[in-house]
Amino acid sequence: MARKNTSENGHTRLEDAMATLIQNQAAFVAQLSDSERYHLKYERETAERFARIETQMAEIIRVLNEHGRILTEHGRLIESLTDAVRE
């Protein structure tokens, strides 16, 4: 038969081990909760940053398209002017 080893405060080793386990589990759950909050914050910040980048890229593309249109238009004007000077 197993014998109970009692500590000075009257708890058995098993009770002490169980208490330690419960404390460790509580600390782990608290840390997990903190990690989850950090992860959600990081995901939100990343999504916001990505949305800003997409908006900026759309504006850059719009400006480049406009510049391309202007250059094409100017190219036609220069070509017409060159033809007019030749005549």
C-alpha atoms as a PDB file:
ATOM      1  CA  MET A   1       0.000   0.000   0.000  1.00  0.00           C
ATOM      2  CA  ALA A   2       1.132   3.524  -0.766  1.00  0.00           C
ATOM      3  CA  ARG A   3       1.985   5.703   2.162  1.00  0.00           C
ATOM      4  CA  LYS A   4       1.083   9.356   2.407  1.00  0.00           C
ATOM      5  CA  ASN A   5       4.057  11.636   2.772  1.00  0.00           C
ATOM      6  CA  THR A   6       2.820  14.757   4.480  1.00  0.00           C
ATOM      7  CA  SER A   7       4.652  18.062   4.297  1.00  0.00           C
ATOM      8  CA  GLU A   8       5.011  20.457   7.201  1.00  0.00           C
ATOM      9  CA  ASN A   9       1.792  22.261   6.331  1.00  0.00           C
ATOM     10  CA  GLY A  10      -0.203  19.021   6.165  1.00  0.00           C
ATOM     11  CA  HIS A  11      -0.585  18.683   2.375  1.00  0.00           C
ATOM     12  CA  THR A  12       0.462  15.602   0.593  1.00  0.00           C
ATOM     13  CA  ARG A  13       2.949  15.700  -2.266  1.00  0.00           C
ATOM     14  CA  LEU A  14       0.159  14.883  -4.674  1.00  0.00           C
ATOM     15  CA  GLU A  15      -1.916  17.817  -3.447  1.00  0.00           C
ATOM     16  CA  ASP A  16       1.081  20.113  -3.814  1.00  0.00           C
ATOM     17  CA  ALA A  17       1.751  18.820  -7.318  1.00  0.00           C
ATOM     18  CA  MET A  18      -1.896  19.295  -8.272  1.00  0.00           C
ATOM     19  CA  ALA A  19      -1.889  22.838  -6.909  1.00  0.00           C
ATOM     20  CA  THR A  20       1.254  23.607  -8.912  1.00  0.00           C
ATOM     21  CA  LEU A  21      -0.303  22.108 -12.028  1.00  0.00           C
ATOM     22  CA  ILE A  22      -3.443  24.233 -11.602  1.00  0.00           C
ATOM     23  CA  GLN A  23      -1.334  27.367 -11.134  1.00  0.00           C
ATOM     24  CA  ASN A  24       0.717  26.546 -14.217  1.00  0.00           C
ATOM     25  CA  GLN A  25      -2.428  25.915 -16.248  1.00  0.00           C
ATOM     26  CA  ALA A  26      -3.900  29.253 -15.134  1.00  0.00           C
ATOM     27  CA  ALA A  27      -0.678  31.053 -16.070  1.00  0.00           C
ATOM     28  CA  PHE A  28      -0.653  29.296 -19.443  1.00  0.00           C
ATOM     29  CA  VAL A  29      -4.266  30.264 -20.175  1.00  0.00           C
ATOM     30  CA  ALA A  30      -3.516  33.889 -19.248  1.00  0.00           C
ATOM     31  CA  GLN A  31      -0.446  33.882 -21.506  1.00  0.00           C
ATOM     32  CA  LEU A  32      -2.452  32.279 -24.308  1.00  0.00           C
ATOM     33  CA  SER A  33      -5.062  35.024 -23.970  1.00  0.00           C
ATOM     34  CA  ASP A  34      -2.342  37.704 -24.178  1.00  0.00           C
ATOM     35  CA  SER A  35      -0.862  35.992 -27.231  1.00  0.00           C
ATOM     36  CA  GLU A  36      -4.273  35.855 -28.904  1.00  0.00           C
ATOM     37  CA  ARG A  37      -4.831  39.587 -28.245  1.00  0.00           C
ATOM     38  CA  TYR A  38      -1.398  40.373 -29.689  1.00  0.00           C
ATOM     39  CA  HIS A  39      -2.105  38.204 -32.735  1.00  0.00           C
ATOM     40  CA  LEU A  40      -5.484  39.869 -33.381  1.00  0.00           C
ATOM     41  CA  LYS A  41      -3.909  43.325 -33.003  1.00  0.00           C
ATOM     42  CA  TYR A  42      -1.147  42.367 -35.442  1.00  0.00           C
ATOM     43  CA  GLU A  43      -3.683  41.007 -37.949  1.00  0.00           C
ATOM     44  CA  ARG A  44      -5.758  44.209 -37.711  1.00  0.00           C
ATOM     45  CA  GLU A  45      -2.712  46.456 -38.183  1.00  0.00           C
ATOM     46  CA  THR A  46      -1.540  44.346 -41.119  1.00  0.00           C
ATOM     47  CA  ALA A  47      -4.964  44.500 -42.779  1.00  0.00           C
ATOM     48  CA  GLU A  48      -5.085  48.287 -42.316  1.00  0.00           C
ATOM     49  CA  ARG A  49      -1.577  48.699 -43.730  1.00  0.00           C
ATOM     50  CA  PHE A  50      -2.380  46.459 -46.697  1.00  0.00           C
ATOM     51  CA  ALA A  51      -5.559  48.464 -47.410  1.00  0.00           C
ATOM     52  CA  ARG A  52      -3.527  51.711 -47.384  1.00  0.00           C
ATOM     53  CA  ILE A  53      -0.967  50.182 -49.753  1.00  0.00           C
ATOM     54  CA  GLU A  54      -3.709  49.010 -52.129  1.00  0.00           C
ATOM     55  CA  THR A  55      -5.237  52.509 -52.126  1.00  0.00           C
ATOM     56  CA  GLN A  56      -1.865  54.095 -52.822  1.00  0.00           C
ATOM     57  CA  MET A  57      -1.114  51.602 -55.589  1.00  0.00           C
ATOM     58  CA  ALA A  58      -4.469  52.335 -57.236  1.00  0.00           C
ATOM     59  CA  GLU A  59      -3.635  56.062 -57.184  1.00  0.00           C
ATOM     60  CA  ILE A  60      -0.149  55.430 -58.601  1.00  0.00           C
ATOM     61  CA  ILE A  61      -1.626  53.328 -61.413  1.00  0.00           C
ATOM     62  CA  ARG A  62      -4.195  56.038 -62.143  1.00  0.00           C
ATOM     63  CA  VAL A  63      -1.473  58.711 -62.343  1.00  0.00           C
ATOM     64  CA  LEU A  64       0.731  56.514 -64.549  1.00  0.00           C
ATOM     65  CA  ASN A  65      -2.170  55.848 -66.911  1.00  0.00           C
ATOM     66  CA  GLU A  66      -2.907  59.569 -67.084  1.00  0.00           C
ATOM     67  CA  HIS A  67       0.749  60.330 -67.783  1.00  0.00           C
ATOM     68  CA  GLY A  68       0.788  57.671 -70.480  1.00  0.00           C
ATOM     69  CA  ARG A  69      -2.297  59.228 -72.065  1.00  0.00           C
ATOM     70  CA  ILE A  70      -0.710  62.695 -71.953  1.00  0.00           C
ATOM     71  CA  LEU A  71       2.556  61.429 -73.459  1.00  0.00           C
ATOM     72  CA  THR A  72       0.659  59.654 -76.236  1.00  0.00           C
ATOM     73  CA  GLU A  73      -1.328  62.809 -76.940  1.00  0.00           C
ATOM     74  CA  HIS A  74       1.831  64.927 -76.987  1.00  0.00           C
ATOM     75  CA  GLY A  75       3.499  62.378 -79.240  1.00  0.00           C
ATOM     76  CA  ARG A  76       0.671  62.757 -81.731  1.00  0.00           C
ATOM     77  CA  LEU A  77       0.897  66.548 -81.535  1.00  0.00           C
ATOM     78  CA  ILE A  78       4.654  66.475 -82.144  1.00  0.00           C
ATOM     79  CA  GLU A  79       4.154  64.100 -85.058  1.00  0.00           C
ATOM     80  CA  SER A  80       1.509  66.418 -86.538  1.00  0.00           C
ATOM     81  CA  LEU A  81       3.774  69.428 -86.018  1.00  0.00           C
ATOM     82  CA  THR A  82       6.693  67.621 -87.641  1.00  0.00           C
ATOM     83  CA  ASP A  83       4.484  66.741 -90.620  1.00  0.00           C
ATOM     84  CA  ALA A  84       3.261  70.348 -90.835  1.00  0.00           C
ATOM     85  CA  VAL A  85       6.831  71.686 -90.816  1.00  0.00           C
ATOM     86  CA  ARG A  86       7.822  69.293 -93.616  1.00  0.00           C
ATOM     87  CA  GLU A  87       4.956  70.484 -95.789  1.00  0.00           C
END
